[in-house]
């Protein structure tokens, strides 16, 4: 859910690359 929320903000995601990585990790953890 958070991944989609951050993905919605393209400029914000681009500005904060670290946040994107954290979101990916959270998404992977949620899947497992």
PDB file of N, CA and C in Angstrom:
ATOM      1  N   UNK A   1       0.850  -1.211   0.000  1.00  0.00           N
ATOM      2  CA  UNK A   1       0.000   0.000   0.000  1.00  0.00           C
ATOM      3  C   UNK A   1       0.885   1.260   0.000  1.00  0.00           C
ATOM      4  N   UNK A   2       1.881   1.250   0.857  1.00  0.00           N
ATOM      5  CA  UNK A   2       2.769   2.425   0.938  1.00  0.00           C
ATOM      6  C   UNK A   2       3.514   2.625  -0.380  1.00  0.00           C
ATOM      7  N   UNK A   3       3.882   1.505  -1.007  1.00  0.00           N
ATOM      8  CA  UNK A   3       4.629   1.595  -2.264  1.00  0.00           C
ATOM      9  C   UNK A   3       3.833   2.383  -3.301  1.00  0.00           C
ATOM     10  N   UNK A   4       2.542   2.056  -3.409  1.00  0.00           N
ATOM     11  CA  UNK A   4       1.695   2.759  -4.380  1.00  0.00           C
ATOM     12  C   UNK A   4       1.564   4.233  -4.006  1.00  0.00           C
ATOM     13  N   UNK A   5       1.453   4.494  -2.717  1.00  0.00           N
ATOM     14  CA  UNK A   5       1.286   5.875  -2.256  1.00  0.00           C
ATOM     15  C   UNK A   5       2.506   6.713  -2.649  1.00  0.00           C
ATOM     16  N   UNK A   6       3.693   6.154  -2.433  1.00  0.00           N
ATOM     17  CA  UNK A   6       4.918   6.892  -2.774  1.00  0.00           C
ATOM     18  C   UNK A   6       5.063   6.968  -4.295  1.00  0.00           C
ATOM     19  N   UNK A   7       4.696   5.890  -4.972  1.00  0.00           N
ATOM     20  CA  UNK A   7       4.816   5.876  -6.432  1.00  0.00           C
ATOM     21  C   UNK A   7       3.966   6.987  -7.043  1.00  0.00           C
ATOM     22  N   UNK A   8       2.880   7.304  -6.412  1.00  0.00           N
ATOM     23  CA  UNK A   8       1.994   8.353  -6.916  1.00  0.00           C
ATOM     24  C   UNK A   8       2.754   9.679  -7.008  1.00  0.00           C
ATOM     25  N   UNK A   9       3.622   9.919  -6.029  1.00  0.00           N
ATOM     26  CA  UNK A   9       4.412  11.168  -6.029  1.00  0.00           C
ATOM     27  C   UNK A   9       5.708  10.945  -6.798  1.00  0.00           C
ATOM     28  N   UNK A  10       5.660  11.160  -8.107  1.00  0.00           N
ATOM     29  CA  UNK A  10       6.850  10.945  -8.937  1.00  0.00           C
ATOM     30  C   UNK A  10       7.984  11.901  -8.540  1.00  0.00           C
ATOM     31  N   UNK A  11       7.741  13.217  -8.430  1.00  0.00           N
ATOM     32  CA  UNK A  11       8.816  14.144  -8.050  1.00  0.00           C
ATOM     33  C   UNK A  11       9.371  13.842  -6.671  1.00  0.00           C
ATOM     34  N   UNK A  12       8.500  13.496  -5.743  1.00  0.00           N
ATOM     35  CA  UNK A  12       8.959  13.199  -4.382  1.00  0.00           C
ATOM     36  C   UNK A  12       9.841  11.952  -4.382  1.00  0.00           C
ATOM     37  N   UNK A  13       9.401  10.919  -5.101  1.00  0.00           N
ATOM     38  CA  UNK A  13      10.170   9.680  -5.166  1.00  0.00           C
ATOM     39  C   UNK A  13      11.539   9.947  -5.791  1.00  0.00           C
ATOM     40  N   UNK A  14      11.542  10.770  -6.814  1.00  0.00           N
ATOM     41  CA  UNK A  14      12.800  11.078  -7.494  1.00  0.00           C
ATOM     42  C   UNK A  14      13.737  11.823  -6.545  1.00  0.00           C
ATOM     43  N   UNK A  15      13.169  12.716  -5.760  1.00  0.00           N
ATOM     44  CA  UNK A  15      13.983  13.512  -4.844  1.00  0.00           C
ATOM     45  C   UNK A  15      14.550  12.646  -3.725  1.00  0.00           C
ATOM     46  N   UNK A  16      13.728  11.702  -3.246  1.00  0.00           N
ATOM     47  CA  UNK A  16      14.160  10.828  -2.142  1.00  0.00           C
ATOM     48  C   UNK A  16      14.324   9.400  -2.658  1.00  0.00           C
ATOM     49  N   UNK A  17      15.502   9.096  -3.163  1.00  0.00           N
ATOM     50  CA  UNK A  17      15.756   7.751  -3.684  1.00  0.00           C
ATOM     51  C   UNK A  17      15.784   6.726  -2.547  1.00  0.00           C
ATOM     52  N   UNK A  18      16.279   7.154  -1.398  1.00  0.00           N
ATOM     53  CA  UNK A  18      16.347   6.245  -0.245  1.00  0.00           C
ATOM     54  C   UNK A  18      14.947   5.762   0.119  1.00  0.00           C
ATOM     55  N   UNK A  19      13.982   6.670   0.075  1.00  0.00           N
ATOM     56  CA  UNK A  19      12.608   6.297   0.418  1.00  0.00           C
ATOM     57  C   UNK A  19      12.103   5.217  -0.532  1.00  0.00           C
ATOM     58  N   UNK A  20      12.453   5.322  -1.796  1.00  0.00           N
ATOM     59  CA  UNK A  20      12.031   4.324  -2.784  1.00  0.00           C
ATOM     60  C   UNK A  20      12.579   2.952  -2.423  1.00  0.00           C
ATOM     61  N   UNK A  21      13.839   2.903  -2.022  1.00  0.00           N
ATOM     62  CA  UNK A  21      14.459   1.626  -1.654  1.00  0.00           C
ATOM     63  C   UNK A  21      13.743   1.040  -0.441  1.00  0.00           C
ATOM     64  N   UNK A  22      13.472   1.883   0.550  1.00  0.00           N
ATOM     65  CA  UNK A  22      12.786   1.420   1.759  1.00  0.00           C
ATOM     66  C   UNK A  22      11.412   0.875   1.398  1.00  0.00           C
ATOM     67  N   UNK A  23      10.726   1.544   0.502  1.00  0.00           N
ATOM     68  CA  UNK A  23       9.388   1.102   0.086  1.00  0.00           C
ATOM     69  C   UNK A  23       9.464  -0.264  -0.590  1.00  0.00           C
ATOM     70  N   UNK A  24      10.466  -0.449  -1.424  1.00  0.00           N
ATOM     71  CA  UNK A  24      10.633  -1.741  -2.104  1.00  0.00           C
ATOM     72  C   UNK A  24      10.851  -2.848  -1.080  1.00  0.00           C
ATOM     73  N   UNK A  25      11.684  -2.585  -0.082  1.00  0.00           N
ATOM     74  CA  UNK A  25      11.942  -3.584   0.960  1.00  0.00           C
ATOM     75  C   UNK A  25      10.646  -3.899   1.700  1.00  0.00           C
ATOM     76  N   UNK A  26       9.883  -2.859   2.035  1.00  0.00           N
ATOM     77  CA  UNK A  26       8.615  -3.062   2.742  1.00  0.00           C
ATOM     78  C   UNK A  26       7.664  -3.893   1.896  1.00  0.00           C
ATOM     79  N   UNK A  27       7.619  -3.618   0.602  1.00  0.00           N
ATOM     80  CA  UNK A  27       6.732  -4.363  -0.297  1.00  0.00           C
ATOM     81  C   UNK A  27       7.132  -5.835  -0.340  1.00  0.00           C
ATOM     82  N   UNK A  28       8.430  -6.095  -0.427  1.00  0.00           N
ATOM     83  CA  UNK A  28       8.917  -7.484  -0.472  1.00  0.00           C
ATOM     84  C   UNK A  28       8.556  -8.196   0.831  1.00  0.00           C
ATOM     85  N   UNK A  29       8.755  -7.509   1.957  1.00  0.00           N
ATOM     86  CA  UNK A  29       8.419  -8.105   3.256  1.00  0.00           C
ATOM     87  C   UNK A  29       6.931  -8.410   3.336  1.00  0.00           C
ATOM     88  N   UNK A  30       6.112  -7.529   2.790  1.00  0.00           N
ATOM     89  CA  UNK A  30       4.660  -7.734   2.828  1.00  0.00           C
ATOM     90  C   UNK A  30       4.276  -8.960   1.998  1.00  0.00           C
ATOM     91  N   UNK A  31       4.944  -9.131   0.861  1.00  0.00           N
ATOM     92  CA  UNK A  31       4.633 -10.282  -0.004  1.00  0.00           C
ATOM     93  C   UNK A  31       4.934 -11.588   0.726  1.00  0.00           C
ATOM     94  N   UNK A  32       6.081 -11.635   1.402  1.00  0.00           N
ATOM     95  CA  UNK A  32       6.455 -12.859   2.120  1.00  0.00           C
ATOM     96  C   UNK A  32       5.657 -12.993   3.405  1.00  0.00           C
TER      97      UNK A  32
END
